[in-house]
């Protein structure tokens, strides 16, 4: 049986130009509609997001800024 590599904690943000972000969102939407996993590379790490991902949208408002986050969450397979 293949041994899985240990995943280290990670918390990064990566900014993208609008055209690249739109392409990634379109690919994500297509995969979700087709019930397929989505693969993306973020800051040099390849990530595979299962079709069974839980999606939520978060809105935060502060005194001088607002933020909307599209979050995708899934459990690691053991």
PDB file of N, CA and C in Angstrom:
ATOM      1  N   UNK A   1       0.827  -1.181   0.000  1.00  0.00           N
ATOM      2  CA  UNK A   1       0.000   0.000   0.000  1.00  0.00           C
ATOM      3  C   UNK A   1       0.873   1.246   0.000  1.00  0.00           C
ATOM      4  N   UNK A   2       0.481   2.244  -0.800  1.00  0.00           N
ATOM      5  CA  UNK A   2       1.260   3.470  -0.877  1.00  0.00           C
ATOM      6  C   UNK A   2       1.131   4.269   0.415  1.00  0.00           C
ATOM      7  N   UNK A   3       2.235   4.790   0.870  1.00  0.00           N
ATOM      8  CA  UNK A   3       2.240   5.596   2.087  1.00  0.00           C
ATOM      9  C   UNK A   3       1.898   7.044   1.736  1.00  0.00           C
ATOM     10  N   UNK A   4       0.921   7.627   2.448  1.00  0.00           N
ATOM     11  CA  UNK A   4       0.550   9.012   2.197  1.00  0.00           C
ATOM     12  C   UNK A   4       1.516   9.948   2.914  1.00  0.00           C
ATOM     13  N   UNK A   5       1.851  11.049   2.202  1.00  0.00           N
ATOM     14  CA  UNK A   5       2.716  12.046   2.823  1.00  0.00           C
ATOM     15  C   UNK A   5       1.911  12.819   3.856  1.00  0.00           C
ATOM     16  N   UNK A   6       2.593  13.168   4.939  1.00  0.00           N
ATOM     17  CA  UNK A   6       1.948  13.963   5.983  1.00  0.00           C
ATOM     18  C   UNK A   6       1.737  15.373   5.459  1.00  0.00           C
ATOM     19  N   UNK A   7       0.523  15.886   5.642  1.00  0.00           N
ATOM     20  CA  UNK A   7       0.214  17.243   5.206  1.00  0.00           C
ATOM     21  C   UNK A   7       0.477  18.200   6.355  1.00  0.00           C
ATOM     22  N   UNK A   8       1.250  19.226   6.076  1.00  0.00           N
ATOM     23  CA  UNK A   8       1.579  20.222   7.081  1.00  0.00           C
ATOM     24  C   UNK A   8       0.527  21.321   7.086  1.00  0.00           C
ATOM     25  N   UNK A   9       0.349  21.956   8.230  1.00  0.00           N
ATOM     26  CA  UNK A   9      -0.579  23.083   8.321  1.00  0.00           C
ATOM     27  C   UNK A   9      -0.111  24.166   7.371  1.00  0.00           C
ATOM     28  N   UNK A  10      -1.091  24.859   6.803  1.00  0.00           N
ATOM     29  CA  UNK A  10      -0.760  25.889   5.825  1.00  0.00           C
ATOM     30  C   UNK A  10      -1.856  26.949   5.859  1.00  0.00           C
ATOM     31  N   UNK A  11      -1.489  28.197   5.799  1.00  0.00           N
ATOM     32  CA  UNK A  11      -2.458  29.281   5.761  1.00  0.00           C
ATOM     33  C   UNK A  11      -1.859  30.410   4.928  1.00  0.00           C
ATOM     34  N   UNK A  12      -2.210  30.435   3.646  1.00  0.00           N
ATOM     35  CA  UNK A  12      -1.663  31.456   2.760  1.00  0.00           C
ATOM     36  C   UNK A  12      -2.805  32.126   2.002  1.00  0.00           C
ATOM     37  N   UNK A  13      -2.520  33.274   1.479  1.00  0.00           N
ATOM     38  CA  UNK A  13      -3.419  33.959   0.566  1.00  0.00           C
ATOM     39  C   UNK A  13      -2.625  34.255  -0.688  1.00  0.00           C
ATOM     40  N   UNK A  14      -3.270  34.080  -1.814  1.00  0.00           N
ATOM     41  CA  UNK A  14      -2.610  34.339  -3.093  1.00  0.00           C
ATOM     42  C   UNK A  14      -3.511  35.239  -3.919  1.00  0.00           C
ATOM     43  N   UNK A  15      -2.986  36.348  -4.370  1.00  0.00           N
ATOM     44  CA  UNK A  15      -3.740  37.263  -5.221  1.00  0.00           C
ATOM     45  C   UNK A  15      -3.581  36.866  -6.679  1.00  0.00           C
ATOM     46  N   UNK A  16      -4.675  36.998  -7.434  1.00  0.00           N
ATOM     47  CA  UNK A  16      -4.665  36.673  -8.858  1.00  0.00           C
ATOM     48  C   UNK A  16      -5.240  37.832  -9.648  1.00  0.00           C
ATOM     49  N   UNK A  17      -4.742  38.034 -10.881  1.00  0.00           N
ATOM     50  CA  UNK A  17      -5.397  38.995 -11.772  1.00  0.00           C
ATOM     51  C   UNK A  17      -6.822  38.494 -12.079  1.00  0.00           C
ATOM     52  N   UNK A  18      -7.714  39.406 -12.391  1.00  0.00           N
ATOM     53  CA  UNK A  18      -9.123  39.055 -12.606  1.00  0.00           C
ATOM     54  C   UNK A  18      -9.278  37.950 -13.654  1.00  0.00           C
ATOM     55  N   UNK A  19      -8.569  38.028 -14.777  1.00  0.00           N
ATOM     56  CA  UNK A  19      -8.745  37.026 -15.830  1.00  0.00           C
ATOM     57  C   UNK A  19      -8.368  35.625 -15.356  1.00  0.00           C
ATOM     58  N   UNK A  20      -7.306  35.491 -14.570  1.00  0.00           N
ATOM     59  CA  UNK A  20      -6.916  34.176 -14.052  1.00  0.00           C
ATOM     60  C   UNK A  20      -7.930  33.671 -13.026  1.00  0.00           C
ATOM     61  N   UNK A  21      -8.415  34.560 -12.179  1.00  0.00           N
ATOM     62  CA  UNK A  21      -9.408  34.176 -11.176  1.00  0.00           C
ATOM     63  C   UNK A  21     -10.682  33.681 -11.849  1.00  0.00           C
ATOM     64  N   UNK A  22     -11.124  34.375 -12.881  1.00  0.00           N
ATOM     65  CA  UNK A  22     -12.333  33.978 -13.604  1.00  0.00           C
ATOM     66  C   UNK A  22     -12.161  32.599 -14.239  1.00  0.00           C
ATOM     67  N   UNK A  23     -11.007  32.331 -14.835  1.00  0.00           N
ATOM     68  CA  UNK A  23     -10.748  31.016 -15.430  1.00  0.00           C
ATOM     69  C   UNK A  23     -10.815  29.916 -14.378  1.00  0.00           C
ATOM     70  N   UNK A  24     -10.239  30.166 -13.209  1.00  0.00           N
ATOM     71  CA  UNK A  24     -10.262  29.174 -12.136  1.00  0.00           C
ATOM     72  C   UNK A  24     -11.692  28.934 -11.646  1.00  0.00           C
ATOM     73  N   UNK A  25     -12.471  30.006 -11.490  1.00  0.00           N
ATOM     74  CA  UNK A  25     -13.862  29.855 -11.064  1.00  0.00           C
ATOM     75  C   UNK A  25     -14.681  29.067 -12.077  1.00  0.00           C
ATOM     76  N   UNK A  26     -14.451  29.318 -13.359  1.00  0.00           N
ATOM     77  CA  UNK A  26     -15.178  28.579 -14.402  1.00  0.00           C
ATOM     78  C   UNK A  26     -14.834  27.098 -14.370  1.00  0.00           C
ATOM     79  N   UNK A  27     -13.546  26.786 -14.206  1.00  0.00           N
ATOM     80  CA  UNK A  27     -13.147  25.378 -14.120  1.00  0.00           C
ATOM     81  C   UNK A  27     -13.766  24.714 -12.903  1.00  0.00           C
ATOM     82  N   UNK A  28     -13.751  25.435 -11.756  1.00  0.00           N
ATOM     83  CA  UNK A  28     -14.358  24.919 -10.530  1.00  0.00           C
ATOM     84  C   UNK A  28     -15.842  24.658 -10.734  1.00  0.00           C
ATOM     85  N   UNK A  29     -16.558  25.623 -11.299  1.00  0.00           N
ATOM     86  CA  UNK A  29     -17.998  25.467 -11.535  1.00  0.00           C
ATOM     87  C   UNK A  29     -18.279  24.283 -12.444  1.00  0.00           C
ATOM     88  N   UNK A  30     -17.496  24.127 -13.496  1.00  0.00           N
ATOM     89  CA  UNK A  30     -17.686  22.995 -14.409  1.00  0.00           C
ATOM     90  C   UNK A  30     -17.503  21.668 -13.691  1.00  0.00           C
ATOM     91  N   UNK A  31     -16.454  21.563 -12.880  1.00  0.00           N
ATOM     92  CA  UNK A  31     -16.199  20.323 -12.139  1.00  0.00           C
ATOM     93  C   UNK A  31     -17.328  20.033 -11.152  1.00  0.00           C
ATOM     94  N   UNK A  32     -17.775  21.035 -10.416  1.00  0.00           N
ATOM     95  CA  UNK A  32     -18.852  20.837  -9.454  1.00  0.00           C
ATOM     96  C   UNK A  32     -20.129  20.375 -10.154  1.00  0.00           C
ATOM     97  N   UNK A  33     -20.469  21.010 -11.270  1.00  0.00           N
ATOM     98  CA  UNK A  33     -21.669  20.621 -12.017  1.00  0.00           C
ATOM     99  C   UNK A  33     -21.598  19.191 -12.527  1.00  0.00           C
ATOM    100  N   UNK A  34     -20.396  18.749 -12.878  1.00  0.00           N
ATOM    101  CA  UNK A  34     -20.212  17.414 -13.433  1.00  0.00           C
ATOM    102  C   UNK A  34     -19.920  16.359 -12.371  1.00  0.00           C
ATOM    103  N   UNK A  35     -19.875  16.782 -11.103  1.00  0.00           N
ATOM    104  CA  UNK A  35     -19.598  15.840 -10.023  1.00  0.00           C
ATOM    105  C   UNK A  35     -18.180  15.302 -10.040  1.00  0.00           C
ATOM    106  N   UNK A  36     -17.250  16.109 -10.524  1.00  0.00           N
ATOM    107  CA  UNK A  36     -15.849  15.695 -10.622  1.00  0.00           C
ATOM    108  C   UNK A  36     -14.991  16.460  -9.621  1.00  0.00           C
ATOM    109  N   UNK A  37     -13.872  15.857  -9.239  1.00  0.00           N
ATOM    110  CA  UNK A  37     -12.955  16.577  -8.361  1.00  0.00           C
ATOM    111  C   UNK A  37     -12.292  17.699  -9.148  1.00  0.00           C
ATOM    112  N   UNK A  38     -11.832  18.696  -8.420  1.00  0.00           N
ATOM    113  CA  UNK A  38     -11.213  19.885  -8.999  1.00  0.00           C
ATOM    114  C   UNK A  38      -9.769  19.936  -8.541  1.00  0.00           C
ATOM    115  N   UNK A  39      -8.863  20.149  -9.470  1.00  0.00           N
ATOM    116  CA  UNK A  39      -7.441  20.265  -9.127  1.00  0.00           C
ATOM    117  C   UNK A  39      -6.984  21.687  -9.413  1.00  0.00           C
ATOM    118  N   UNK A  40      -6.232  22.220  -8.450  1.00  0.00           N
ATOM    119  CA  UNK A  40      -5.727  23.582  -8.571  1.00  0.00           C
ATOM    120  C   UNK A  40      -4.344  23.644  -7.924  1.00  0.00           C
ATOM    121  N   UNK A  41      -3.507  24.518  -8.442  1.00  0.00           N
ATOM    122  CA  UNK A  41      -2.197  24.742  -7.840  1.00  0.00           C
ATOM    123  C   UNK A  41      -2.205  26.124  -7.208  1.00  0.00           C
ATOM    124  N   UNK A  42      -1.854  26.178  -5.924  1.00  0.00           N
ATOM    125  CA  UNK A  42      -1.815  27.439  -5.187  1.00  0.00           C
ATOM    126  C   UNK A  42      -0.437  27.586  -4.564  1.00  0.00           C
ATOM    127  N   UNK A  43       0.253  28.637  -4.934  1.00  0.00           N
ATOM    128  CA  UNK A  43       1.586  28.925  -4.387  1.00  0.00           C
ATOM    129  C   UNK A  43       2.488  27.700  -4.412  1.00  0.00           C
ATOM    130  N   UNK A  44       2.496  27.007  -5.552  1.00  0.00           N
ATOM    131  CA  UNK A  44       3.404  25.892  -5.743  1.00  0.00           C
ATOM    132  C   UNK A  44       2.937  24.545  -5.237  1.00  0.00           C
ATOM    133  N   UNK A  45       1.769  24.477  -4.615  1.00  0.00           N
ATOM    134  CA  UNK A  45       1.269  23.195  -4.118  1.00  0.00           C
ATOM    135  C   UNK A  45       0.010  22.796  -4.878  1.00  0.00           C
ATOM    136  N   UNK A  46      -0.003  21.557  -5.364  1.00  0.00           N
ATOM    137  CA  UNK A  46      -1.153  21.034  -6.075  1.00  0.00           C
ATOM    138  C   UNK A  46      -2.183  20.518  -5.069  1.00  0.00           C
ATOM    139  N   UNK A  47      -3.436  20.943  -5.248  1.00  0.00           N
ATOM    140  CA  UNK A  47      -4.503  20.590  -4.326  1.00  0.00           C
ATOM    141  C   UNK A  47      -5.620  19.918  -5.113  1.00  0.00           C
ATOM    142  N   UNK A  48      -6.133  18.814  -4.584  1.00  0.00           N
ATOM    143  CA  UNK A  48      -7.243  18.109  -5.203  1.00  0.00           C
ATOM    144  C   UNK A  48      -8.467  18.253  -4.312  1.00  0.00           C
ATOM    145  N   UNK A  49      -9.510  18.861  -4.834  1.00  0.00           N
ATOM    146  CA  UNK A  49     -10.731  19.128  -4.077  1.00  0.00           C
ATOM    147  C   UNK A  49     -11.792  18.139  -4.533  1.00  0.00           C
ATOM    148  N   UNK A  50     -12.322  17.316  -3.618  1.00  0.00           N
ATOM    149  CA  UNK A  50     -13.295  16.303  -4.017  1.00  0.00           C
ATOM    150  C   UNK A  50     -14.620  16.917  -4.454  1.00  0.00           C
ATOM    151  N   UNK A  51     -15.376  16.167  -5.257  1.00  0.00           N
ATOM    152  CA  UNK A  51     -16.681  16.626  -5.735  1.00  0.00           C
ATOM    153  C   UNK A  51     -17.679  16.786  -4.594  1.00  0.00           C
ATOM    154  N   UNK A  52     -17.414  16.141  -3.465  1.00  0.00           N
ATOM    155  CA  UNK A  52     -18.325  16.177  -2.314  1.00  0.00           C
ATOM    156  C   UNK A  52     -18.025  17.329  -1.365  1.00  0.00           C
ATOM    157  N   UNK A  53     -17.272  18.300  -1.820  1.00  0.00           N
ATOM    158  CA  UNK A  53     -16.858  19.436  -1.006  1.00  0.00           C
ATOM    159  C   UNK A  53     -18.075  20.190  -0.452  1.00  0.00           C
ATOM    160  N   UNK A  54     -17.915  20.751   0.757  1.00  0.00           N
ATOM    161  CA  UNK A  54     -18.952  21.601   1.354  1.00  0.00           C
ATOM    162  C   UNK A  54     -18.577  23.049   1.042  1.00  0.00           C
ATOM    163  N   UNK A  55     -19.531  23.797   0.512  1.00  0.00           N
ATOM    164  CA  UNK A  55     -19.266  25.171   0.075  1.00  0.00           C
ATOM    165  C   UNK A  55     -20.068  26.134   0.926  1.00  0.00           C
ATOM    166  N   UNK A  56     -19.404  27.190   1.395  1.00  0.00           N
ATOM    167  CA  UNK A  56     -20.143  28.248   2.079  1.00  0.00           C
ATOM    168  C   UNK A  56     -19.564  29.599   1.669  1.00  0.00           C
ATOM    169  N   UNK A  57     -20.358  30.618   1.908  1.00  0.00           N
ATOM    170  CA  UNK A  57     -19.941  31.986   1.597  1.00  0.00           C
ATOM    171  C   UNK A  57     -19.968  32.775   2.887  1.00  0.00           C
ATOM    172  N   UNK A  58     -18.873  33.451   3.164  1.00  0.00           N
ATOM    173  CA  UNK A  58     -18.728  34.214   4.405  1.00  0.00           C
ATOM    174  C   UNK A  58     -18.582  35.694   4.079  1.00  0.00           C
ATOM    175  N   UNK A  59     -19.241  36.535   4.855  1.00  0.00           N
ATOM    176  CA  UNK A  59     -19.127  37.977   4.684  1.00  0.00           C
ATOM    177  C   UNK A  59     -18.660  38.591   6.004  1.00  0.00           C
ATOM    178  N   UNK A  60     -17.637  39.405   5.931  1.00  0.00           N
ATOM    179  CA  UNK A  60     -17.130  40.110   7.110  1.00  0.00           C
ATOM    180  C   UNK A  60     -17.134  41.601   6.814  1.00  0.00           C
ATOM    181  N   UNK A  61     -17.482  42.399   7.821  1.00  0.00           N
ATOM    182  CA  UNK A  61     -17.479  43.853   7.672  1.00  0.00           C
ATOM    183  C   UNK A  61     -16.729  44.456   8.848  1.00  0.00           C
ATOM    184  N   UNK A  62     -15.761  45.281   8.533  1.00  0.00           N
ATOM    185  CA  UNK A  62     -15.037  46.015   9.561  1.00  0.00           C
ATOM    186  C   UNK A  62     -15.294  47.496   9.389  1.00  0.00           C
ATOM    187  N   UNK A  63     -14.591  48.305  10.167  1.00  0.00           N
ATOM    188  CA  UNK A  63     -14.789  49.752  10.118  1.00  0.00           C
ATOM    189  C   UNK A  63     -14.392  50.344   8.763  1.00  0.00           C
ATOM    190  N   UNK A  64     -13.363  49.764   8.125  1.00  0.00           N
ATOM    191  CA  UNK A  64     -12.870  50.375   6.889  1.00  0.00           C
ATOM    192  C   UNK A  64     -12.844  49.440   5.685  1.00  0.00           C
ATOM    193  N   UNK A  65     -13.271  48.184   5.864  1.00  0.00           N
ATOM    194  CA  UNK A  65     -13.216  47.243   4.739  1.00  0.00           C
ATOM    195  C   UNK A  65     -14.256  46.139   4.904  1.00  0.00           C
ATOM    196  N   UNK A  66     -14.592  45.507   3.783  1.00  0.00           N
ATOM    197  CA  UNK A  66     -15.476  44.349   3.788  1.00  0.00           C
ATOM    198  C   UNK A  66     -14.809  43.220   3.024  1.00  0.00           C
ATOM    199  N   UNK A  67     -15.261  42.013   3.309  1.00  0.00           N
ATOM    200  CA  UNK A  67     -14.652  40.839   2.685  1.00  0.00           C
ATOM    201  C   UNK A  67     -15.727  39.788   2.451  1.00  0.00           C
ATOM    202  N   UNK A  68     -15.682  39.154   1.288  1.00  0.00           N
ATOM    203  CA  UNK A  68     -16.516  37.994   0.989  1.00  0.00           C
ATOM    204  C   UNK A  68     -15.568  36.852   0.657  1.00  0.00           C
ATOM    205  N   UNK A  69     -15.753  35.738   1.325  1.00  0.00           N
ATOM    206  CA  UNK A  69     -14.927  34.552   1.079  1.00  0.00           C
ATOM    207  C   UNK A  69     -15.813  33.422   0.587  1.00  0.00           C
ATOM    208  N   UNK A  70     -15.395  32.801  -0.501  1.00  0.00           N
ATOM    209  CA  UNK A  70     -16.022  31.579  -0.973  1.00  0.00           C
ATOM    210  C   UNK A  70     -15.167  30.448  -0.432  1.00  0.00           C
ATOM    211  N   UNK A  71     -15.719  29.663   0.475  1.00  0.00           N
ATOM    212  CA  UNK A  71     -14.937  28.625   1.151  1.00  0.00           C
ATOM    213  C   UNK A  71     -15.366  27.246   0.688  1.00  0.00           C
ATOM    214  N   UNK A  72     -14.384  26.386   0.488  1.00  0.00           N
ATOM    215  CA  UNK A  72     -14.618  24.996   0.147  1.00  0.00           C
ATOM    216  C   UNK A  72     -13.945  24.161   1.230  1.00  0.00           C
ATOM    217  N   UNK A  73     -14.705  23.289   1.884  1.00  0.00           N
ATOM    218  CA  UNK A  73     -14.147  22.471   2.968  1.00  0.00           C
ATOM    219  C   UNK A  73     -14.403  21.001   2.714  1.00  0.00           C
ATOM    220  N   UNK A  74     -13.396  20.207   3.075  1.00  0.00           N
ATOM    221  CA  UNK A  74     -13.519  18.753   2.952  1.00  0.00           C
ATOM    222  C   UNK A  74     -12.603  18.114   3.964  1.00  0.00           C
ATOM    223  N   UNK A  75     -12.897  16.859   4.266  1.00  0.00           N
ATOM    224  CA  UNK A  75     -12.078  16.111   5.217  1.00  0.00           C
ATOM    225  C   UNK A  75     -10.996  15.348   4.472  1.00  0.00           C
ATOM    226  N   UNK A  76      -9.836  15.200   5.091  1.00  0.00           N
ATOM    227  CA  UNK A  76      -8.764  14.388   4.517  1.00  0.00           C
ATOM    228  C   UNK A  76      -9.111  12.922   4.676  1.00  0.00           C
ATOM    229  N   UNK A  77      -8.811  12.157   3.664  1.00  0.00           N
ATOM    230  CA  UNK A  77      -8.992  10.699   3.771  1.00  0.00           C
ATOM    231  C   UNK A  77      -7.851  10.126   4.560  1.00  0.00           C
ATOM    232  N   UNK A  78      -8.163   9.179   5.416  1.00  0.00           N
ATOM    233  CA  UNK A  78      -7.118   8.554   6.236  1.00  0.00           C
ATOM    234  C   UNK A  78      -6.674   7.255   5.639  1.00  0.00           C
TER     235      UNK A  78
END
